[in-house]
Amino acid sequence: MENLSFEESLEQLEEIVEKLENGDVPLDEAIDEFDKAMRLVKICNEKLEAAEDSIAKIVQDNGEIIEFDSNK
């Protein structure tokens, strides 16, 4: 699962949310799906943080490195 792209992870997460919102899922399966969703959220978050780190290092025209606080 960790090898999924951000887009693939997000797509799977959306499918799980839709499935759970429909309410036609037995409790045991719902728990399994929720667990999978939480792992997908973690993957998406890690990929977003990596992208933020990359963007933070982009060099402006004057050669300065832009640093920003992702917690803002």
PDB file of N, CA and C in Angstrom:
ATOM      1  N   MET A   1       0.814  -1.193   0.000  1.00  0.00           N
ATOM      2  CA  MET A   1       0.000   0.000   0.000  1.00  0.00           C
ATOM      3  C   MET A   1       0.863   1.265   0.000  1.00  0.00           C
ATOM      4  N   GLU A   2       2.047   1.205   0.626  1.00  0.00           N
ATOM      5  CA  GLU A   2       2.912   2.374   0.716  1.00  0.00           C
ATOM      6  C   GLU A   2       3.464   2.800  -0.641  1.00  0.00           C
ATOM      7  N   ASN A   3       3.401   1.917  -1.632  1.00  0.00           N
ATOM      8  CA  ASN A   3       3.917   2.240  -2.953  1.00  0.00           C
ATOM      9  C   ASN A   3       2.912   2.987  -3.823  1.00  0.00           C
ATOM     10  N   LEU A   4       1.730   3.237  -3.301  1.00  0.00           N
ATOM     11  CA  LEU A   4       0.713   3.936  -4.067  1.00  0.00           C
ATOM     12  C   LEU A   4       1.098   5.407  -4.238  1.00  0.00           C
ATOM     13  N   SER A   5       0.693   5.965  -5.361  1.00  0.00           N
ATOM     14  CA  SER A   5       0.895   7.397  -5.551  1.00  0.00           C
ATOM     15  C   SER A   5      -0.117   8.143  -4.690  1.00  0.00           C
ATOM     16  N   PHE A   6       0.078   9.444  -4.560  1.00  0.00           N
ATOM     17  CA  PHE A   6      -0.869  10.260  -3.816  1.00  0.00           C
ATOM     18  C   PHE A   6      -2.262  10.132  -4.427  1.00  0.00           C
ATOM     19  N   GLU A   7      -2.322  10.210  -5.745  1.00  0.00           N
ATOM     20  CA  GLU A   7      -3.607  10.158  -6.438  1.00  0.00           C
ATOM     21  C   GLU A   7      -4.309   8.814  -6.241  1.00  0.00           C
ATOM     22  N   GLU A   8      -3.535   7.722  -6.300  1.00  0.00           N
ATOM     23  CA  GLU A   8      -4.106   6.392  -6.092  1.00  0.00           C
ATOM     24  C   GLU A   8      -4.618   6.239  -4.658  1.00  0.00           C
ATOM     25  N   SER A   9      -3.837   6.739  -3.712  1.00  0.00           N
ATOM     26  CA  SER A   9      -4.243   6.671  -2.310  1.00  0.00           C
ATOM     27  C   SER A   9      -5.514   7.467  -2.080  1.00  0.00           C
ATOM     28  N   LEU A  10      -5.573   8.655  -2.649  1.00  0.00           N
ATOM     29  CA  LEU A  10      -6.745   9.508  -2.485  1.00  0.00           C
ATOM     30  C   LEU A  10      -7.978   8.878  -3.119  1.00  0.00           C
ATOM     31  N   GLU A  11      -7.798   8.271  -4.279  1.00  0.00           N
ATOM     32  CA  GLU A  11      -8.916   7.610  -4.955  1.00  0.00           C
ATOM     33  C   GLU A  11      -9.465   6.464  -4.105  1.00  0.00           C
ATOM     34  N   GLN A  12      -8.570   5.640  -3.558  1.00  0.00           N
ATOM     35  CA  GLN A  12      -9.007   4.535  -2.710  1.00  0.00           C
ATOM     36  C   GLN A  12      -9.701   5.060  -1.452  1.00  0.00           C
ATOM     37  N   LEU A  13      -9.171   6.131  -0.905  1.00  0.00           N
ATOM     38  CA  LEU A  13      -9.771   6.731   0.276  1.00  0.00           C
ATOM     39  C   LEU A  13     -11.186   7.227  -0.021  1.00  0.00           C
ATOM     40  N   GLU A  14     -11.363   7.868  -1.157  1.00  0.00           N
ATOM     41  CA  GLU A  14     -12.690   8.339  -1.553  1.00  0.00           C
ATOM     42  C   GLU A  14     -13.670   7.180  -1.729  1.00  0.00           C
ATOM     43  N   GLU A  15     -13.198   6.072  -2.289  1.00  0.00           N
ATOM     44  CA  GLU A  15     -14.050   4.894  -2.471  1.00  0.00           C
ATOM     45  C   GLU A  15     -14.491   4.331  -1.124  1.00  0.00           C
ATOM     46  N   ILE A  16     -13.576   4.306  -0.167  1.00  0.00           N
ATOM     47  CA  ILE A  16     -13.906   3.789   1.164  1.00  0.00           C
ATOM     48  C   ILE A  16     -14.929   4.697   1.838  1.00  0.00           C
ATOM     49  N   VAL A  17     -14.709   5.994   1.751  1.00  0.00           N
ATOM     50  CA  VAL A  17     -15.640   6.938   2.372  1.00  0.00           C
ATOM     51  C   VAL A  17     -17.037   6.767   1.790  1.00  0.00           C
ATOM     52  N   GLU A  18     -17.114   6.661   0.471  1.00  0.00           N
ATOM     53  CA  GLU A  18     -18.416   6.476  -0.181  1.00  0.00           C
ATOM     54  C   GLU A  18     -19.080   5.185   0.293  1.00  0.00           C
ATOM     55  N   LYS A  19     -18.293   4.128   0.367  1.00  0.00           N
ATOM     56  CA  LYS A  19     -18.808   2.826   0.796  1.00  0.00           C
ATOM     57  C   LYS A  19     -19.344   2.902   2.225  1.00  0.00           C
ATOM     58  N   LEU A  20     -18.595   3.564   3.109  1.00  0.00           N
ATOM     59  CA  LEU A  20     -19.013   3.671   4.503  1.00  0.00           C
ATOM     60  C   LEU A  20     -20.207   4.605   4.662  1.00  0.00           C
ATOM     61  N   GLU A  21     -20.265   5.646   3.840  1.00  0.00           N
ATOM     62  CA  GLU A  21     -21.391   6.581   3.915  1.00  0.00           C
ATOM     63  C   GLU A  21     -22.698   5.915   3.503  1.00  0.00           C
ATOM     64  N   ASN A  22     -22.626   4.951   2.610  1.00  0.00           N
ATOM     65  CA  ASN A  22     -23.830   4.247   2.175  1.00  0.00           C
ATOM     66  C   ASN A  22     -24.445   3.430   3.307  1.00  0.00           C
ATOM     67  N   GLY A  23     -23.634   3.040   4.270  1.00  0.00           N
ATOM     68  CA  GLY A  23     -24.140   2.340   5.439  1.00  0.00           C
ATOM     69  C   GLY A  23     -24.521   0.892   5.227  1.00  0.00           C
ATOM     70  N   ASP A  24     -24.193   0.330   4.082  1.00  0.00           N
ATOM     71  CA  ASP A  24     -24.564  -1.058   3.787  1.00  0.00           C
ATOM     72  C   ASP A  24     -23.422  -2.025   4.083  1.00  0.00           C
ATOM     73  N   VAL A  25     -22.525  -1.632   4.983  1.00  0.00           N
ATOM     74  CA  VAL A  25     -21.341  -2.434   5.261  1.00  0.00           C
ATOM     75  C   VAL A  25     -21.484  -3.062   6.647  1.00  0.00           C
ATOM     76  N   PRO A  26     -21.276  -4.375   6.749  1.00  0.00           N
ATOM     77  CA  PRO A  26     -21.303  -5.019   8.067  1.00  0.00           C
ATOM     78  C   PRO A  26     -20.232  -4.412   8.976  1.00  0.00           C
ATOM     79  N   LEU A  27     -20.461  -4.441  10.268  1.00  0.00           N
ATOM     80  CA  LEU A  27     -19.576  -3.793  11.232  1.00  0.00           C
ATOM     81  C   LEU A  27     -18.120  -4.230  11.095  1.00  0.00           C
ATOM     82  N   ASP A  28     -17.868  -5.526  11.002  1.00  0.00           N
ATOM     83  CA  ASP A  28     -16.482  -6.011  10.894  1.00  0.00           C
ATOM     84  C   ASP A  28     -15.800  -5.456   9.644  1.00  0.00           C
ATOM     85  N   GLU A  29     -16.526  -5.436   8.547  1.00  0.00           N
ATOM     86  CA  GLU A  29     -15.961  -4.899   7.303  1.00  0.00           C
ATOM     87  C   GLU A  29     -15.758  -3.390   7.422  1.00  0.00           C
ATOM     88  N   ALA A  30     -16.678  -2.710   8.079  1.00  0.00           N
ATOM     89  CA  ALA A  30     -16.556  -1.260   8.268  1.00  0.00           C
ATOM     90  C   ALA A  30     -15.309  -0.930   9.078  1.00  0.00           C
ATOM     91  N   ILE A  31     -15.032  -1.725  10.098  1.00  0.00           N
ATOM     92  CA  ILE A  31     -13.828  -1.511  10.909  1.00  0.00           C
ATOM     93  C   ILE A  31     -12.576  -1.724  10.070  1.00  0.00           C
ATOM     94  N   ASP A  32     -12.567  -2.778   9.261  1.00  0.00           N
ATOM     95  CA  ASP A  32     -11.426  -3.039   8.374  1.00  0.00           C
ATOM     96  C   ASP A  32     -11.236  -1.900   7.371  1.00  0.00           C
ATOM     97  N   GLU A  33     -12.338  -1.427   6.812  1.00  0.00           N
ATOM     98  CA  GLU A  33     -12.268  -0.335   5.840  1.00  0.00           C
ATOM     99  C   GLU A  33     -11.785   0.954   6.509  1.00  0.00           C
ATOM    100  N   PHE A  34     -12.239   1.206   7.730  1.00  0.00           N
ATOM    101  CA  PHE A  34     -11.792   2.383   8.464  1.00  0.00           C
ATOM    102  C   PHE A  34     -10.295   2.310   8.729  1.00  0.00           C
ATOM    103  N   ASP A  35      -9.814   1.132   9.109  1.00  0.00           N
ATOM    104  CA  ASP A  35      -8.384   0.937   9.346  1.00  0.00           C
ATOM    105  C   ASP A  35      -7.591   1.214   8.066  1.00  0.00           C
ATOM    106  N   LYS A  36      -8.064   0.684   6.954  1.00  0.00           N
ATOM    107  CA  LYS A  36      -7.399   0.916   5.672  1.00  0.00           C
ATOM    108  C   LYS A  36      -7.420   2.408   5.326  1.00  0.00           C
ATOM    109  N   ALA A  37      -8.534   3.061   5.591  1.00  0.00           N
ATOM    110  CA  ALA A  37      -8.650   4.495   5.311  1.00  0.00           C
ATOM    111  C   ALA A  37      -7.638   5.287   6.126  1.00  0.00           C
ATOM    112  N   MET A  38      -7.455   4.928   7.369  1.00  0.00           N
ATOM    113  CA  MET A  38      -6.494   5.646   8.215  1.00  0.00           C
ATOM    114  C   MET A  38      -5.065   5.467   7.697  1.00  0.00           C
ATOM    115  N   ARG A  39      -4.750   4.273   7.194  1.00  0.00           N
ATOM    116  CA  ARG A  39      -3.420   4.055   6.612  1.00  0.00           C
ATOM    117  C   ARG A  39      -3.245   4.881   5.344  1.00  0.00           C
ATOM    118  N   LEU A  40      -4.314   4.993   4.546  1.00  0.00           N
ATOM    119  CA  LEU A  40      -4.261   5.806   3.327  1.00  0.00           C
ATOM    120  C   LEU A  40      -4.103   7.285   3.659  1.00  0.00           C
ATOM    121  N   VAL A  41      -4.774   7.744   4.706  1.00  0.00           N
ATOM    122  CA  VAL A  41      -4.628   9.135   5.144  1.00  0.00           C
ATOM    123  C   VAL A  41      -3.177   9.405   5.526  1.00  0.00           C
ATOM    124  N   LYS A  42      -2.559   8.467   6.228  1.00  0.00           N
ATOM    125  CA  LYS A  42      -1.159   8.633   6.630  1.00  0.00           C
ATOM    126  C   LYS A  42      -0.258   8.721   5.397  1.00  0.00           C
ATOM    127  N   ILE A  43      -0.489   7.876   4.415  1.00  0.00           N
ATOM    128  CA  ILE A  43       0.296   7.899   3.184  1.00  0.00           C
ATOM    129  C   ILE A  43       0.132   9.240   2.478  1.00  0.00           C
ATOM    130  N   CYS A  44      -1.111   9.700   2.358  1.00  0.00           N
ATOM    131  CA  CYS A  44      -1.366  10.982   1.699  1.00  0.00           C
ATOM    132  C   CYS A  44      -0.672  12.114   2.443  1.00  0.00           C
ATOM    133  N   ASN A  45      -0.761  12.092   3.762  1.00  0.00           N
ATOM    134  CA  ASN A  45      -0.133  13.136   4.570  1.00  0.00           C
ATOM    135  C   ASN A  45       1.383  13.142   4.384  1.00  0.00           C
ATOM    136  N   GLU A  46       1.992  11.968   4.371  1.00  0.00           N
ATOM    137  CA  GLU A  46       3.447  11.874   4.190  1.00  0.00           C
ATOM    138  C   GLU A  46       3.852  12.402   2.817  1.00  0.00           C
ATOM    139  N   LYS A  47       3.074  12.086   1.796  1.00  0.00           N
ATOM    140  CA  LYS A  47       3.395  12.556   0.448  1.00  0.00           C
ATOM    141  C   LYS A  47       3.208  14.062   0.337  1.00  0.00           C
ATOM    142  N   LEU A  48       2.191  14.607   0.996  1.00  0.00           N
ATOM    143  CA  LEU A  48       1.987  16.057   0.992  1.00  0.00           C
ATOM    144  C   LEU A  48       3.128  16.771   1.719  1.00  0.00           C
ATOM    145  N   GLU A  49       3.558  16.218   2.844  1.00  0.00           N
ATOM    146  CA  GLU A  49       4.668  16.811   3.579  1.00  0.00           C
ATOM    147  C   GLU A  49       5.952  16.795   2.739  1.00  0.00           C
ATOM    148  N   ALA A  50       6.183  15.708   2.014  1.00  0.00           N
ATOM    149  CA  ALA A  50       7.360  15.630   1.150  1.00  0.00           C
ATOM    150  C   ALA A  50       7.282  16.671   0.040  1.00  0.00           C
ATOM    151  N   ALA A  51       6.086  16.854  -0.518  1.00  0.00           N
ATOM    152  CA  ALA A  51       5.909  17.860  -1.564  1.00  0.00           C
ATOM    153  C   ALA A  51       6.125  19.260  -1.000  1.00  0.00           C
ATOM    154  N   GLU A  52       5.620  19.524   0.210  1.00  0.00           N
ATOM    155  CA  GLU A  52       5.828  20.826   0.851  1.00  0.00           C
ATOM    156  C   GLU A  52       7.312  21.087   1.063  1.00  0.00           C
ATOM    157  N   ASP A  53       8.043  20.065   1.492  1.00  0.00           N
ATOM    158  CA  ASP A  53       9.490  20.219   1.692  1.00  0.00           C
ATOM    159  C   ASP A  53      10.178  20.564   0.383  1.00  0.00           C
ATOM    160  N   SER A  54       9.773  19.919  -0.698  1.00  0.00           N
ATOM    161  CA  SER A  54      10.372  20.194  -2.004  1.00  0.00           C
ATOM    162  C   SER A  54      10.057  21.607  -2.457  1.00  0.00           C
ATOM    163  N   ILE A  55       8.810  22.015  -2.283  1.00  0.00           N
ATOM    164  CA  ILE A  55       8.405  23.355  -2.698  1.00  0.00           C
ATOM    165  C   ILE A  55       9.117  24.415  -1.869  1.00  0.00           C
ATOM    166  N   ALA A  56       9.323  24.138  -0.589  1.00  0.00           N
ATOM    167  CA  ALA A  56       9.982  25.092   0.297  1.00  0.00           C
ATOM    168  C   ALA A  56      11.408  25.385  -0.145  1.00  0.00           C
ATOM    169  N   LYS A  57      11.999  24.498  -0.931  1.00  0.00           N
ATOM    170  CA  LYS A  57      13.389  24.665  -1.352  1.00  0.00           C
ATOM    171  C   LYS A  57      13.527  25.269  -2.751  1.00  0.00           C
ATOM    172  N   ILE A  58      12.414  25.661  -3.326  1.00  0.00           N
ATOM    173  CA  ILE A  58      12.471  26.256  -4.662  1.00  0.00           C
ATOM    174  C   ILE A  58      13.210  27.588  -4.582  1.00  0.00           C
ATOM    175  N   VAL A  59      14.087  27.789  -5.531  1.00  0.00           N
ATOM    176  CA  VAL A  59      14.894  29.003  -5.531  1.00  0.00           C
ATOM    177  C   VAL A  59      14.168  30.106  -6.297  1.00  0.00           C
ATOM    178  N   GLN A  60      14.070  31.293  -5.656  1.00  0.00           N
ATOM    179  CA  GLN A  60      13.480  32.452  -6.324  1.00  0.00           C
ATOM    180  C   GLN A  60      14.455  32.980  -7.376  1.00  0.00           C
ATOM    181  N   ASP A  61      13.979  33.898  -8.184  1.00  0.00           N
ATOM    182  CA  ASP A  61      14.806  34.498  -9.231  1.00  0.00           C
ATOM    183  C   ASP A  61      16.083  35.108  -8.677  1.00  0.00           C
ATOM    184  N   ASN A  62      16.034  35.679  -7.476  1.00  0.00           N
ATOM    185  CA  ASN A  62      17.221  36.329  -6.910  1.00  0.00           C
ATOM    186  C   ASN A  62      18.143  35.348  -6.186  1.00  0.00           C
ATOM    187  N   GLY A  63      17.824  34.068  -6.250  1.00  0.00           N
ATOM    188  CA  GLY A  63      18.698  33.053  -5.682  1.00  0.00           C
ATOM    189  C   GLY A  63      18.436  32.713  -4.235  1.00  0.00           C
ATOM    190  N   GLU A  64      17.453  33.365  -3.608  1.00  0.00           N
ATOM    191  CA  GLU A  64      17.152  33.051  -2.220  1.00  0.00           C
ATOM    192  C   GLU A  64      16.282  31.801  -2.138  1.00  0.00           C
ATOM    193  N   ILE A  65      16.522  31.023  -1.125  1.00  0.00           N
ATOM    194  CA  ILE A  65      15.700  29.842  -0.895  1.00  0.00           C
ATOM    195  C   ILE A  65      14.507  30.260  -0.055  1.00  0.00           C
ATOM    196  N   ILE A  66      13.326  29.879  -0.515  1.00  0.00           N
ATOM    197  CA  ILE A  66      12.115  30.217   0.194  1.00  0.00           C
ATOM    198  C   ILE A  66      11.867  29.149   1.248  1.00  0.00           C
ATOM    199  N   GLU A  67      11.751  29.545   2.494  1.00  0.00           N
ATOM    200  CA  GLU A  67      11.393  28.618   3.557  1.00  0.00           C
ATOM    201  C   GLU A  67      10.041  29.056   4.089  1.00  0.00           C
ATOM    202  N   PHE A  68       9.185  28.107   4.349  1.00  0.00           N
ATOM    203  CA  PHE A  68       7.897  28.447   4.938  1.00  0.00           C
ATOM    204  C   PHE A  68       7.546  27.436   5.997  1.00  0.00           C
ATOM    205  N   ASP A  69       6.682  27.867   6.901  1.00  0.00           N
ATOM    206  CA  ASP A  69       6.248  27.006   7.993  1.00  0.00           C
ATOM    207  C   ASP A  69       4.949  26.345   7.570  1.00  0.00           C
ATOM    208  N   SER A  70       4.950  25.035   7.392  1.00  0.00           N
ATOM    209  CA  SER A  70       3.765  24.323   6.925  1.00  0.00           C
ATOM    210  C   SER A  70       2.687  24.229   8.003  1.00  0.00           C
ATOM    211  N   ASN A  71       2.989  24.689   9.201  1.00  0.00           N
ATOM    212  CA  ASN A  71       2.005  24.643  10.292  1.00  0.00           C
ATOM    213  C   ASN A  71       1.135  25.889  10.340  1.00  0.00           C
ATOM    214  N   LYS A  72       1.314  26.803   9.415  1.00  0.00           N
ATOM    215  CA  LYS A  72       0.517  28.032   9.401  1.00  0.00           C
ATOM    216  C   LYS A  72      -0.800  27.812   8.743  1.00  0.00           C
TER     217      LYS A  72
END
